[in-house]
Protein backbone atom coordinates (compact mmCIF):
# COMPACT_ATOMS: atom_id res chain seq x y z
CA MET A 1 83.52 61.44 -7.25
CA THR A 2 84.67 64.91 -6.52
CA MET A 3 83.58 68.07 -8.23
CA ASP A 4 85.97 70.60 -9.79
CA MET A 5 85.27 74.33 -9.15
CA ASP A 6 83.14 74.74 -12.10
CA ASP A 7 80.71 71.99 -11.03
CA ARG A 8 80.62 73.52 -7.49
CA GLN A 9 79.75 76.80 -8.91
CA LEU A 10 76.94 75.13 -11.12
CA CYS A 11 75.56 73.28 -8.16
CA ALA A 12 75.59 76.34 -5.98
CA LEU A 13 73.73 78.38 -8.69
CA SER A 14 71.22 75.64 -9.24
CA MET A 15 70.55 75.17 -5.40
CA GLU A 16 70.07 78.93 -5.28
CA LEU A 17 67.46 79.05 -8.07
CA SER A 18 65.60 76.01 -6.74
CA GLY A 19 65.20 77.73 -3.45
CA ASN A 20 63.78 80.67 -4.83
CA ILE A 21 59.96 80.09 -4.79
CA PRO A 22 58.90 83.29 -6.70
CA TYR A 23 61.34 82.05 -9.46
CA LEU A 24 59.89 78.68 -9.68
CA ALA A 25 56.49 80.00 -9.56
CA THR A 26 57.32 82.28 -12.49
CA LEU A 27 58.48 79.13 -14.50
CA GLY A 28 55.19 77.51 -13.61
CA VAL A 29 53.11 80.17 -14.87
CA LYS A 30 55.10 80.55 -18.22
CA LEU A 31 54.79 76.84 -18.73
CA PHE A 32 50.90 77.13 -17.84
CA LEU A 33 50.66 79.97 -20.57
CA ALA A 34 52.47 78.02 -23.15
CA LEU A 35 50.38 74.87 -22.68
CA VAL A 36 47.01 76.83 -22.69
CA GLY A 37 48.44 78.52 -26.16
CA LEU A 38 49.42 75.13 -27.57
CA ILE A 39 45.85 73.99 -27.01
CA TRP A 40 43.85 77.19 -27.51
CA LEU A 41 45.46 78.42 -30.72
CA PRO A 42 44.84 75.55 -33.01
CA VAL A 43 41.27 75.29 -31.86
CA VAL A 44 40.60 78.84 -32.43
CA MET A 45 42.30 78.67 -35.72
CA CYS A 46 39.90 75.81 -36.90
CA SER A 47 36.91 77.58 -35.40
CA GLU A 48 37.38 81.14 -36.34
CA THR A 49 35.44 82.81 -39.06
CA LEU A 50 36.79 86.23 -38.92
CA SER A 51 39.51 85.94 -41.69
CA SER A 52 36.71 84.52 -44.00
CA THR A 53 36.53 88.13 -45.51
CA PHE A 54 40.16 88.73 -45.58
CA HIS A 55 42.22 88.33 -48.78
CA PRO A 56 43.80 85.15 -49.19
CA ASN A 57 47.16 86.86 -48.61
CA ALA A 58 46.01 88.02 -45.13
CA ARG A 59 44.59 84.58 -44.39
CA LEU A 60 47.99 83.03 -45.42
CA LEU A 61 49.86 85.58 -43.05
CA LEU A 62 47.38 84.98 -40.14
CA LYS A 63 48.20 81.23 -40.25
CA MET A 64 52.02 81.85 -40.54
CA ASN A 65 51.76 84.11 -37.46
CA ILE A 66 49.92 81.30 -35.57
CA LEU A 67 52.31 78.72 -36.59
CA PHE A 68 55.32 80.56 -35.26
CA VAL A 69 53.70 81.41 -32.01
CA LEU A 70 53.14 77.69 -31.57
CA VAL A 71 56.73 77.10 -32.16
CA SER A 72 57.64 79.61 -29.55
CA CYS A 73 55.12 77.95 -27.14
CA CYS A 74 57.01 74.61 -27.81
CA GLY A 75 60.32 75.97 -26.94
CA THR A 76 58.89 77.53 -23.72
CA VAL A 77 57.22 74.25 -22.66
CA ILE A 78 60.67 72.52 -23.29
CA CYS A 79 62.67 75.13 -21.39
CA GLU A 80 60.28 75.54 -18.32
CA SER A 81 59.61 71.84 -17.94
CA ILE A 82 63.04 70.69 -18.02
CA ASP A 83 64.11 73.49 -15.42
CA LEU A 84 61.19 72.73 -13.15
CA THR A 85 61.91 69.07 -13.23
CA ARG A 86 65.46 69.64 -12.36
CA PHE A 87 64.93 72.11 -9.42
CA VAL A 88 61.89 70.38 -8.07
CA VAL A 89 61.58 66.76 -9.00
CA PHE A 90 65.22 65.80 -9.34
CA LYS A 91 66.11 67.69 -6.12
CA HIS A 92 63.59 65.95 -3.91
CA VAL A 93 64.09 62.59 -5.49
CA ARG A 94 67.88 62.69 -4.85
CA MET A 95 67.34 64.17 -1.19
CA ASP A 96 65.25 61.17 -0.34
CA ALA A 97 67.67 58.69 -2.10
CA SER A 98 70.24 56.72 -0.32
CA ALA A 99 72.83 57.33 -2.92
CA ASP A 100 75.41 59.92 -2.51
CA TYR A 101 75.31 62.61 -5.16
CA ASP A 102 77.90 65.31 -5.76
CA CYS A 103 74.97 67.69 -6.50
CA LEU A 104 71.12 67.24 -5.95
CA ILE A 105 70.52 69.18 -9.20
CA PRO A 106 72.15 67.84 -12.47
CA SER A 107 73.64 70.29 -14.79
CA ILE A 108 72.45 70.79 -18.35
CA PRO A 109 74.67 70.15 -21.48
CA ALA A 110 74.66 73.30 -23.62
CA LEU A 111 73.73 71.01 -26.63
CA LEU A 112 70.17 70.84 -24.94
CA ALA A 113 69.65 74.30 -23.38
CA VAL A 114 70.82 76.27 -26.56
CA PRO A 115 68.71 74.81 -29.08
CA ALA A 116 65.62 74.64 -26.88
CA LYS A 117 66.06 78.31 -25.78
CA MET A 118 66.61 79.56 -29.34
CA LEU A 119 63.43 77.74 -30.46
CA LYS A 120 61.48 80.00 -28.26
CA ILE A 121 63.28 83.06 -29.34
CA TYR A 122 63.07 82.13 -33.01
CA GLY A 123 59.24 81.66 -32.73
CA HIS A 124 58.62 84.95 -31.33
CA ASN A 125 61.13 86.84 -33.66
CA ALA A 126 59.44 85.09 -36.42
CA SER A 127 56.17 86.33 -35.32
CA THR A 128 57.36 89.89 -35.32
CA LEU A 129 58.73 89.51 -38.91
CA PHE A 130 55.38 87.92 -40.01
CA ILE A 131 53.25 90.67 -38.49
CA ALA A 132 55.73 93.14 -40.44
CA ALA A 133 54.91 90.94 -43.57
CA TRP A 134 51.27 91.41 -42.82
CA VAL A 135 51.83 95.20 -42.56
CA ALA A 136 53.64 95.24 -45.80
CA GLU A 137 50.63 93.34 -47.47
CA ARG A 138 48.26 95.75 -45.96
CA LEU A 139 50.16 98.71 -47.27
CA TYR A 140 50.46 97.29 -50.84
CA ALA A 141 46.63 96.57 -50.44
CA SER A 142 45.95 100.17 -49.69
CA ILE A 143 48.28 101.51 -52.36
CA PHE A 144 46.84 99.49 -55.10
CA ILE A 145 43.34 99.44 -53.73
CA ARG A 146 41.60 99.41 -57.08
CA THR A 147 43.16 96.32 -58.42
CA TYR A 148 44.19 94.45 -55.12
CA GLU A 149 41.15 92.19 -55.11
CA LYS A 150 42.35 90.47 -58.21
CA ASN A 151 45.74 89.63 -56.86
CA ASN A 152 46.62 86.03 -56.07
CA LEU A 153 48.77 84.63 -53.41
CA THR A 154 52.16 85.89 -54.77
CA ILE A 155 52.63 89.01 -52.44
CA GLY A 156 51.66 86.60 -49.32
CA VAL A 157 54.17 84.03 -50.51
CA ILE A 158 57.11 86.31 -51.26
CA SER A 159 56.66 88.38 -47.74
CA SER A 160 56.36 85.02 -45.94
CA ILE A 161 59.61 83.79 -47.62
CA ILE A 162 61.40 86.95 -46.77
CA ALA A 163 60.35 87.04 -43.13
CA PHE A 164 61.22 83.24 -42.93
CA VAL A 165 64.68 83.75 -44.48
CA ILE A 166 65.65 86.66 -42.38
CA CYS A 167 64.60 85.12 -38.92
CA THR A 168 66.18 81.71 -39.88
CA SER A 169 69.43 83.30 -41.02
CA VAL A 170 69.68 85.36 -37.84
CA THR A 171 68.92 82.31 -35.75
CA LEU A 172 71.48 80.07 -37.50
CA VAL A 173 74.37 82.82 -37.16
CA ARG A 174 73.62 82.69 -33.27
CA LEU A 175 73.48 78.96 -33.15
CA VAL A 176 76.83 78.74 -35.01
CA LEU A 177 78.52 81.30 -32.73
CA MET A 178 77.23 79.50 -29.42
CA ASN A 179 79.69 77.72 -27.09
CA TYR A 180 78.48 74.22 -26.86
CA HIS A 181 81.33 72.78 -24.51
CA GLN A 182 80.17 74.38 -21.27
CA LYS A 183 77.78 72.95 -18.84
CA MET A 184 74.46 75.11 -17.83
CA PHE A 185 72.79 75.58 -14.54
CA TYR A 186 69.38 76.49 -16.21
CA MET A 187 67.96 76.42 -19.79
CA GLY A 188 69.81 79.57 -21.21
CA LEU A 189 72.32 80.76 -23.90
CA THR A 190 76.03 80.79 -24.02
CA ASP A 191 76.61 83.32 -26.80
CA LYS A 192 79.11 86.16 -25.93
CA ASN A 193 79.23 87.59 -29.51
CA HIS A 194 77.05 90.69 -28.82
CA ILE A 195 74.65 89.69 -31.66
CA ALA A 196 71.69 89.45 -29.23
CA GLU A 197 71.41 92.98 -28.33
CA PRO A 198 71.60 94.47 -31.87
CA VAL A 199 68.85 91.73 -32.95
CA MET A 200 66.64 92.67 -30.16
CA TYR A 201 66.61 96.39 -30.62
CA SER A 202 66.32 96.14 -34.54
CA LEU A 203 63.24 94.03 -33.84
CA ALA A 204 62.01 96.52 -31.41
CA ALA A 205 62.33 99.24 -34.05
CA VAL A 206 60.15 96.89 -36.46
CA GLU A 207 57.65 96.46 -33.74
CA VAL A 208 57.07 100.24 -33.37
CA VAL A 209 57.08 100.78 -37.27
CA ASN A 210 54.40 97.99 -37.51
CA VAL A 211 52.00 99.77 -35.10
CA VAL A 212 52.76 103.27 -36.63
CA ILE A 213 51.98 102.07 -40.31
CA LEU A 214 48.87 100.25 -39.34
CA ALA A 215 47.58 103.23 -37.39
CA VAL A 216 48.14 105.39 -40.52
CA LEU A 217 46.52 102.90 -42.86
CA PHE A 218 43.51 102.63 -40.59
CA PHE A 219 42.89 106.18 -40.43
CA LEU A 220 43.40 106.51 -44.36
CA ASN A 221 41.16 103.78 -45.25
CA ARG A 222 38.45 105.15 -42.88
CA LYS A 223 38.81 108.72 -44.48
CA TRP A 224 38.40 106.87 -48.05
CA ARG A 225 35.20 105.07 -46.90
CA GLN A 226 33.71 108.18 -45.55
CA GLY A 227 34.86 110.66 -48.34
CA GLY A 228 34.56 110.83 -52.14
CA ASN A 229 31.74 110.12 -54.25
CA ARG A 230 30.26 106.67 -53.24
CA LEU A 231 28.21 106.46 -56.49
CA GLU A 232 31.29 106.69 -58.79
CA THR A 233 33.21 104.42 -56.85
CA SER A 234 33.40 100.81 -58.27
CA LEU A 235 32.17 97.84 -56.27
CA SER A 236 35.67 96.37 -56.16
CA HIS A 237 36.92 99.51 -54.77
CA LYS A 238 34.31 99.74 -52.03
CA PHE A 239 34.89 96.08 -51.24
CA GLN A 240 38.61 96.43 -50.77
CA ILE A 241 38.28 99.56 -48.45
CA GLU A 242 36.05 97.36 -46.29
CA GLU A 243 38.35 94.48 -46.43
CA ASN A 244 41.33 96.65 -45.42
CA ILE A 245 39.48 98.09 -42.56
CA ASN A 246 38.28 94.77 -41.40
CA ALA A 247 41.88 93.21 -41.54
CA ILE A 248 43.64 96.17 -40.18
CA SER A 249 41.07 96.64 -37.29
CA PHE A 250 42.17 92.94 -36.32
CA VAL A 251 46.07 93.08 -36.87
CA PHE A 252 46.32 96.57 -35.28
CA PRO A 253 45.41 95.50 -31.68
CA LEU A 254 47.36 92.28 -32.21
CA SER A 255 50.57 94.30 -33.35
CA THR A 256 50.26 96.76 -30.54
CA ILE A 257 50.06 94.00 -27.87
CA HIS A 258 52.79 92.20 -29.53
CA CYS A 259 54.80 95.53 -29.42
CA LEU A 260 54.10 96.19 -25.80
CA PHE A 261 55.07 92.75 -24.58
CA TYR A 262 58.36 92.90 -26.61
CA MET A 263 59.31 96.28 -25.60
CA ALA A 264 58.59 95.55 -21.95
CA THR A 265 60.82 92.45 -22.17
CA GLY A 266 63.47 94.11 -24.45
CA PHE A 267 64.10 97.02 -22.36
CA LEU A 268 63.31 95.93 -18.80
CA MET A 269 65.55 92.84 -18.99
CA PRO A 270 68.81 94.68 -19.82
CA PHE A 271 68.48 97.08 -17.21
CA LEU A 272 66.99 94.79 -14.34
CA ALA A 273 68.64 91.28 -15.42
CA PHE A 274 72.05 92.10 -17.01
CA SER A 275 73.01 94.52 -14.43
CA GLN A 276 73.06 91.84 -11.61
CA ALA A 277 76.36 90.63 -10.56
CA ASN A 278 75.36 87.17 -9.72
CA ALA A 279 74.42 84.78 -12.58
CA ALA A 280 71.60 83.34 -10.42
CA THR A 281 69.97 86.77 -9.55
CA ARG A 282 70.58 87.42 -13.54
CA ALA A 283 68.36 84.27 -14.26
CA ILE A 284 65.86 85.22 -11.92
CA ALA A 285 65.51 88.86 -12.95
CA ALA A 286 65.31 87.71 -16.55
CA ALA A 287 62.52 85.33 -15.77
CA ARG A 288 60.45 87.99 -14.14
CA THR A 289 60.95 90.37 -16.93
CA GLU A 290 59.92 88.25 -19.69
CA PHE A 291 56.40 89.14 -20.72
CA VAL A 292 56.41 87.19 -24.10
CA PRO A 293 54.49 84.24 -22.90
CA LEU A 294 51.60 86.50 -22.20
CA TYR A 295 51.16 86.66 -26.02
CA TYR A 296 50.40 82.81 -26.13
CA VAL A 297 47.15 83.40 -24.25
CA VAL A 298 46.31 87.10 -25.47
CA PHE A 299 46.58 86.12 -29.35
CA PRO A 300 43.98 83.30 -29.28
CA LEU A 301 41.62 85.41 -26.77
CA LEU A 302 41.70 88.36 -29.26
CA LEU A 303 40.99 86.08 -32.12
CA GLN A 304 38.11 84.26 -30.18
CA LEU A 305 36.57 87.65 -28.99
CA ARG A 306 36.68 89.02 -32.40
CA THR A 307 35.16 85.74 -33.77
CA VAL A 308 32.31 85.79 -31.33
CA ALA A 309 31.62 89.61 -31.94
CA LYS A 310 31.22 88.92 -35.67
CA ARG A 311 28.81 85.95 -34.97
CA LYS A 312 26.85 88.24 -32.72
CA ARG A 313 26.70 91.08 -35.21
CA ILE A 314 25.54 88.73 -37.92
CA THR A 315 22.97 87.21 -35.53
CA ARG A 316 21.74 90.76 -34.62
CA LEU A 317 21.45 91.76 -38.31
CA VAL A 318 19.31 88.77 -39.02
CA SER A 319 16.98 89.42 -36.18
CA LEU A 320 16.83 93.10 -37.11
CA HIS A 321 15.69 92.44 -40.51
CA TYR A 322 13.22 89.75 -39.45
CA ILE A 323 14.44 87.15 -42.14
CA GLY A 324 13.57 84.34 -40.04
CA ASN A 325 10.32 85.72 -38.76
CA TYR A 326 9.31 87.01 -42.16
CA SER A 327 9.56 83.46 -43.77
CA THR A 328 7.67 82.01 -40.80
CA GLN A 329 4.89 84.68 -40.95
CA VAL A 330 4.46 84.06 -44.70
CA LYS A 331 4.01 80.36 -44.24
CA LYS A 332 1.54 81.05 -41.49
CA GLU A 333 -0.51 83.51 -43.63
CA GLU A 334 -0.43 80.98 -46.67
CA ASN A 335 -1.82 78.32 -44.33
CA GLU A 336 -4.54 80.66 -43.01
CA HIS A 337 -5.48 81.66 -46.53
CA PHE A 338 -6.00 77.99 -47.68
CA ASP A 339 -7.76 77.07 -44.65
CA MET A 340 -10.41 80.01 -45.41
CA LEU A 341 -10.69 78.74 -48.91
CA LYS A 342 -11.45 75.42 -47.77
CA LYS A 343 -14.18 76.61 -45.59
CA MET A 344 -15.85 78.81 -48.26
CA PHE A 345 -15.98 75.64 -50.79
CA SER A 346 -16.82 72.91 -48.07
């Protein structure tokens, strides 16, 4: 069976990628990071105590962020594992086989490549929008600081629905406009409708706005805590200021890291990858400039470190106030007192 020109081109591009060891190593690293994230995030989510002092809305948005990072991890695992299997396993199996193959590496139907790639993009874009929802929730909590403690889950649910609808709508539009009739030499996308770049730059703007607003809110809440008449401030007001500071002090570094990875990917990829003339070299450059998978490990690491720091702080407070030692000492003195009484009356 002879191949047409398109099949020959796809085979040549696949063989070029399979022979690039740094490219294969990059795929392996991304696959490893995604697998670590898939395991570590649920473990940390079940064991973390950091969010116990957060408002229920903040806890809801934290869980939604974790959920969609896991979705992105799943997309990465599917994409990188399929490509690595084709470029390494299929290639070597067919090289050693007695059968005659037109190409050592089979092409991929767009119906498989496009949804898997979009799953990864969808998860990460959703995490950007859910961080924005969290920022909006913190902004609302800071504006209505005297009454926010009494609020129910309405703010968290509404902001979650808005983030979900926006991200899902944009993703569905891109999926509808994809070309599903062509074959792929790697797990990529086929859209030529120029929607990807406006979406990417819009989300980059959202990332920057998230960081700026959180920085301002953190500064203002710290100022409110240090200033004013503390005696005249209600207990609920003081509690809400502390809750704002605790929540923002976690989501601010998280948002900053998310922004750095997204901006690095969003600006380096167009300049270094899309400027390449050859499709294979574009794929190689795109893989090297994708920093998003690093977030799969940094997110649970940050959550784990903050949880451990909180536990150590509580342990230190207990030891400083001699709570445990005090109760032990009281029991010891009581026993000595009763021993003395027994000796006196014996």
